[in-house]
Amino acid sequence: MKTKLENVKPKEIETRSFEIITEELGDKKLQPGTELIVKRCIHTSADFDYADNLYFSKDAVPKAIEAIKHGACIVTDTQMVKAGINKKALAKFGGEVYCFMSDEDVAKNAKSAGSTRAAASMEKAAKLGKPVIFAIGNAPTALVRLYELIQEKQIQPYLIIGVPVGFVNVVQSKEMIMETDVPCIVAKGRKGGSNIAACICNALLYMIDNERDYWK
């Protein structure tokens, strides 16, 4: 039996992918204003569970978009997330992407405190003096420290994207973030990852400025 391939031009592959996602979602109702983010997560992972497990706090998307438009920076917990974010699109609004995980002072502070580099990098981010969006795709300890910094009133993020993947304290750390009054987008449960954190950031950017027909 000969395998039959779809005849799709290279520049049309992404458009066709989103058509398939929309078709397979069928009558599934998504929270208004979040559809493109959910679909991009599915597109990135081929996992339709994101249609059910993505949590959006009230007005998280419009608040995040306004923050980006006013030059908010993005702080991540992995170089992979940083690499995956469309920095050119973010720079149009004056924003930058930071990842402090490899910084010597972060490693030193983590060792001194007996904590993780992820937690120490959140402490460094709290001293940036800039409006910040956090995109956490790997380390639940980053979310736990963010929660503590928020409770201590040392930081007030414009948005937390909480999508670490794994088993140890992953679910708990996400629930802690959902308990705060900070706008958040969280992948409930164990799923997530650096690719999902980056794609949510890009989805927000593309909702502001994008020429793709399927994205309008």
Protein backbone atom coordinates (compact mmCIF):
# COMPACT_ATOMS: atom_id res chain seq x y z
CA MET A 1 0.00 0.00 0.00
CA LYS A 2 1.47 3.34 -1.07
CA THR A 3 1.39 6.13 1.52
CA LYS A 4 -0.59 9.13 0.32
CA LEU A 5 0.80 12.53 1.21
CA GLU A 6 -1.02 15.85 1.25
CA ASN A 7 0.11 18.15 -1.54
CA VAL A 8 0.92 21.26 0.51
CA LYS A 9 3.35 23.99 -0.49
CA PRO A 10 6.08 24.76 2.09
CA LYS A 11 4.73 28.20 2.93
CA GLU A 12 1.26 26.74 3.46
CA ILE A 13 2.24 23.96 5.92
CA GLU A 14 1.63 26.04 9.05
CA THR A 15 -1.69 27.32 7.74
CA ARG A 16 -2.78 23.76 6.94
CA SER A 17 -1.69 22.61 10.41
CA PHE A 18 -3.96 25.18 12.05
CA GLU A 19 -6.82 24.15 9.77
CA ILE A 20 -6.40 20.55 10.96
CA ILE A 21 -6.28 21.66 14.59
CA THR A 22 -9.49 23.68 14.16
CA GLU A 23 -11.18 20.72 12.43
CA GLU A 24 -10.18 18.26 15.15
CA LEU A 25 -11.27 20.60 17.94
CA GLY A 26 -14.70 20.55 16.32
CA ASP A 27 -17.34 22.04 18.62
CA LYS A 28 -14.94 22.31 21.56
CA LYS A 29 -15.57 25.65 23.28
CA LEU A 30 -12.44 27.59 24.22
CA GLN A 31 -12.36 30.60 26.50
CA PRO A 32 -12.89 33.70 24.31
CA GLY A 33 -9.65 35.52 23.61
CA THR A 34 -7.47 32.49 24.35
CA GLU A 35 -8.13 30.44 21.22
CA LEU A 36 -4.95 31.33 19.36
CA ILE A 37 -2.75 30.59 22.35
CA VAL A 38 -4.38 27.20 22.88
CA LYS A 39 -4.09 26.32 19.21
CA ARG A 40 -0.43 27.33 19.11
CA CYS A 41 0.30 25.09 22.11
CA ILE A 42 -1.40 22.23 20.30
CA HIS A 43 0.53 23.08 17.12
CA THR A 44 3.82 23.02 19.07
CA SER A 45 3.14 19.76 20.89
CA ALA A 46 0.52 17.89 18.81
CA ASP A 47 -1.19 17.41 22.17
CA PHE A 48 -4.88 18.29 22.27
CA ASP A 49 -4.93 18.06 26.07
CA TYR A 50 -3.93 21.73 26.07
CA ALA A 51 -7.47 22.55 25.02
CA ASP A 52 -8.50 21.47 28.53
CA ASN A 53 -5.51 21.99 30.81
CA LEU A 54 -4.52 25.59 30.03
CA TYR A 55 -5.72 27.92 32.77
CA PHE A 56 -6.09 31.65 32.10
CA SER A 57 -6.71 34.00 35.00
CA LYS A 58 -9.17 36.83 34.43
CA ASP A 59 -7.99 39.22 31.69
CA ALA A 60 -4.55 37.59 31.62
CA VAL A 61 -4.25 37.84 27.85
CA PRO A 62 -5.24 41.51 27.37
CA LYS A 63 -3.12 42.52 30.38
CA ALA A 64 -0.12 40.66 28.96
CA ILE A 65 -0.58 42.23 25.55
CA GLU A 66 -0.72 45.71 27.08
CA ALA A 67 2.43 44.99 29.08
CA ILE A 68 4.28 43.87 25.94
CA LYS A 69 3.14 46.97 24.07
CA HIS A 70 4.60 49.09 26.87
CA GLY A 71 8.01 47.44 26.76
CA ALA A 72 7.75 44.59 29.26
CA CYS A 73 10.71 42.22 29.34
CA ILE A 74 10.50 38.43 29.55
CA VAL A 75 12.48 36.42 32.09
CA THR A 76 12.80 32.68 31.52
CA ASP A 77 14.19 29.73 33.47
CA THR A 78 15.99 28.05 30.56
CA GLN A 79 18.13 29.05 27.62
CA MET A 80 15.81 26.93 25.49
CA VAL A 81 12.84 29.17 26.27
CA LYS A 82 14.98 32.23 25.56
CA ALA A 83 16.10 30.77 22.22
CA GLY A 84 12.53 29.96 21.21
CA ILE A 85 11.02 33.40 21.81
CA ASN A 86 10.79 35.72 18.83
CA LYS A 87 13.13 38.39 20.16
CA LYS A 88 12.83 40.52 17.01
CA ALA A 89 9.07 40.78 17.49
CA LEU A 90 9.49 41.63 21.18
CA ALA A 91 12.16 44.25 20.43
CA LYS A 92 9.64 46.19 18.32
CA PHE A 93 8.03 47.22 21.61
CA GLY A 94 11.28 47.77 23.50
CA GLY A 95 11.34 44.45 25.33
CA GLU A 96 14.21 42.02 25.89
CA VAL A 97 14.48 38.39 26.96
CA TYR A 98 16.59 37.42 29.97
CA CYS A 99 17.75 34.09 31.36
CA PHE A 100 20.01 34.32 34.41
CA MET A 101 20.48 30.58 34.95
CA SER A 102 24.12 30.54 33.78
CA ASP A 103 25.20 33.71 35.58
CA GLU A 104 28.05 33.27 38.06
CA ASP A 105 26.37 35.34 40.75
CA VAL A 106 23.22 33.22 40.48
CA ALA A 107 25.22 30.00 40.88
CA LYS A 108 27.07 31.49 43.88
CA ASN A 109 23.86 32.70 45.57
CA ALA A 110 22.12 29.38 44.99
CA LYS A 111 25.01 27.45 46.55
CA SER A 112 25.19 29.82 49.49
CA ALA A 113 21.43 29.59 50.16
CA GLY A 114 21.20 25.87 49.48
CA SER A 115 18.58 26.57 46.80
CA THR A 116 18.39 26.00 43.07
CA ARG A 117 19.73 28.27 40.35
CA ALA A 118 16.16 28.66 39.15
CA ALA A 119 15.10 30.10 42.51
CA ALA A 120 18.16 32.36 42.68
CA SER A 121 17.53 33.59 39.14
CA MET A 122 14.05 34.72 40.19
CA GLU A 123 15.62 36.74 42.99
CA LYS A 124 17.92 38.42 40.48
CA ALA A 125 14.96 39.14 38.20
CA ALA A 126 13.17 40.84 41.11
CA LYS A 127 15.95 43.45 41.08
CA LEU A 128 15.72 44.24 37.37
CA GLY A 129 13.69 47.39 37.91
CA LYS A 130 11.70 46.75 34.76
CA PRO A 131 8.17 45.52 34.00
CA VAL A 132 8.51 41.75 33.73
CA ILE A 133 6.68 38.76 32.30
CA PHE A 134 7.94 35.40 33.57
CA ALA A 135 7.96 32.37 31.27
CA ILE A 136 8.74 29.26 33.33
CA GLY A 137 8.91 26.01 31.39
CA ASN A 138 11.20 23.79 33.39
CA ALA A 139 11.73 24.53 37.07
CA PRO A 140 8.93 24.35 39.65
CA THR A 141 11.36 25.88 42.17
CA ALA A 142 11.26 29.06 40.05
CA LEU A 143 7.49 29.23 40.50
CA VAL A 144 7.74 28.54 44.23
CA ARG A 145 10.28 31.33 44.68
CA LEU A 146 8.17 33.67 42.56
CA TYR A 147 5.20 32.93 44.82
CA GLU A 148 7.31 33.77 47.88
CA LEU A 149 8.65 36.98 46.33
CA ILE A 150 5.08 38.05 45.50
CA GLN A 151 3.95 37.35 49.07
CA GLU A 152 6.94 39.33 50.35
CA LYS A 153 5.95 42.18 48.01
CA GLN A 154 9.38 42.15 46.42
CA ILE A 155 7.96 41.74 42.94
CA GLN A 156 4.68 42.20 41.06
CA PRO A 157 4.93 40.54 37.63
CA TYR A 158 2.69 41.61 34.78
CA LEU A 159 2.18 37.95 33.87
CA ILE A 160 3.44 34.53 34.91
CA ILE A 161 3.46 31.77 32.33
CA GLY A 162 3.73 28.70 34.54
CA VAL A 163 4.23 25.57 32.47
CA PRO A 164 7.07 23.51 34.00
CA VAL A 165 6.97 19.84 33.08
CA GLY A 166 7.69 16.91 35.39
CA PHE A 167 6.74 15.15 38.59
CA VAL A 168 8.30 16.70 41.73
CA ASN A 169 6.32 19.71 43.01
CA VAL A 170 5.23 20.58 39.49
CA VAL A 171 1.49 20.46 40.14
CA GLN A 172 1.84 22.13 43.54
CA SER A 173 3.96 25.02 42.23
CA LYS A 174 1.43 25.74 39.50
CA GLU A 175 -1.41 25.74 42.02
CA MET A 176 0.51 28.24 44.15
CA ILE A 177 0.76 30.66 41.23
CA MET A 178 -2.95 30.28 40.47
CA GLU A 179 -3.67 31.33 44.08
CA THR A 180 -1.98 34.73 43.65
CA ASP A 181 -3.59 37.87 42.25
CA VAL A 182 -0.97 38.02 39.47
CA PRO A 183 -2.26 37.45 35.92
CA CYS A 184 -1.19 33.98 34.85
CA ILE A 185 -1.35 31.35 32.16
CA VAL A 186 -0.77 27.89 33.62
CA ALA A 187 -0.68 24.38 32.19
CA LYS A 188 -2.47 22.46 34.94
CA GLY A 189 -1.07 19.05 35.79
CA ARG A 190 2.31 17.61 34.86
CA LYS A 191 2.49 18.69 31.23
CA GLY A 192 4.35 21.68 29.86
CA GLY A 193 7.95 22.38 28.93
CA SER A 194 10.28 25.00 27.54
CA ASN A 195 8.72 24.71 24.08
CA ILE A 196 5.28 25.46 25.50
CA ALA A 197 6.56 28.46 27.50
CA ALA A 198 8.18 29.90 24.38
CA CYS A 199 5.16 29.27 22.17
CA ILE A 200 2.82 31.07 24.60
CA CYS A 201 5.14 34.09 24.52
CA ASN A 202 5.18 33.99 20.74
CA ALA A 203 1.42 33.58 20.58
CA LEU A 204 1.00 36.78 22.60
CA LEU A 205 3.44 38.58 20.28
CA TYR A 206 1.68 37.32 17.16
CA MET A 207 -1.68 38.43 18.51
CA ILE A 208 -0.30 41.97 18.48
CA ASP A 209 1.61 42.02 15.22
CA ASN A 210 1.34 39.25 12.65
CA GLU A 211 0.58 38.89 8.96
CA ARG A 212 -0.53 35.26 9.02
CA ASP A 213 -4.11 35.00 7.71
CA TYR A 214 -5.06 32.18 10.09
CA TRP A 215 -3.88 34.29 13.02
CA LYS A 216 -6.45 37.05 12.52
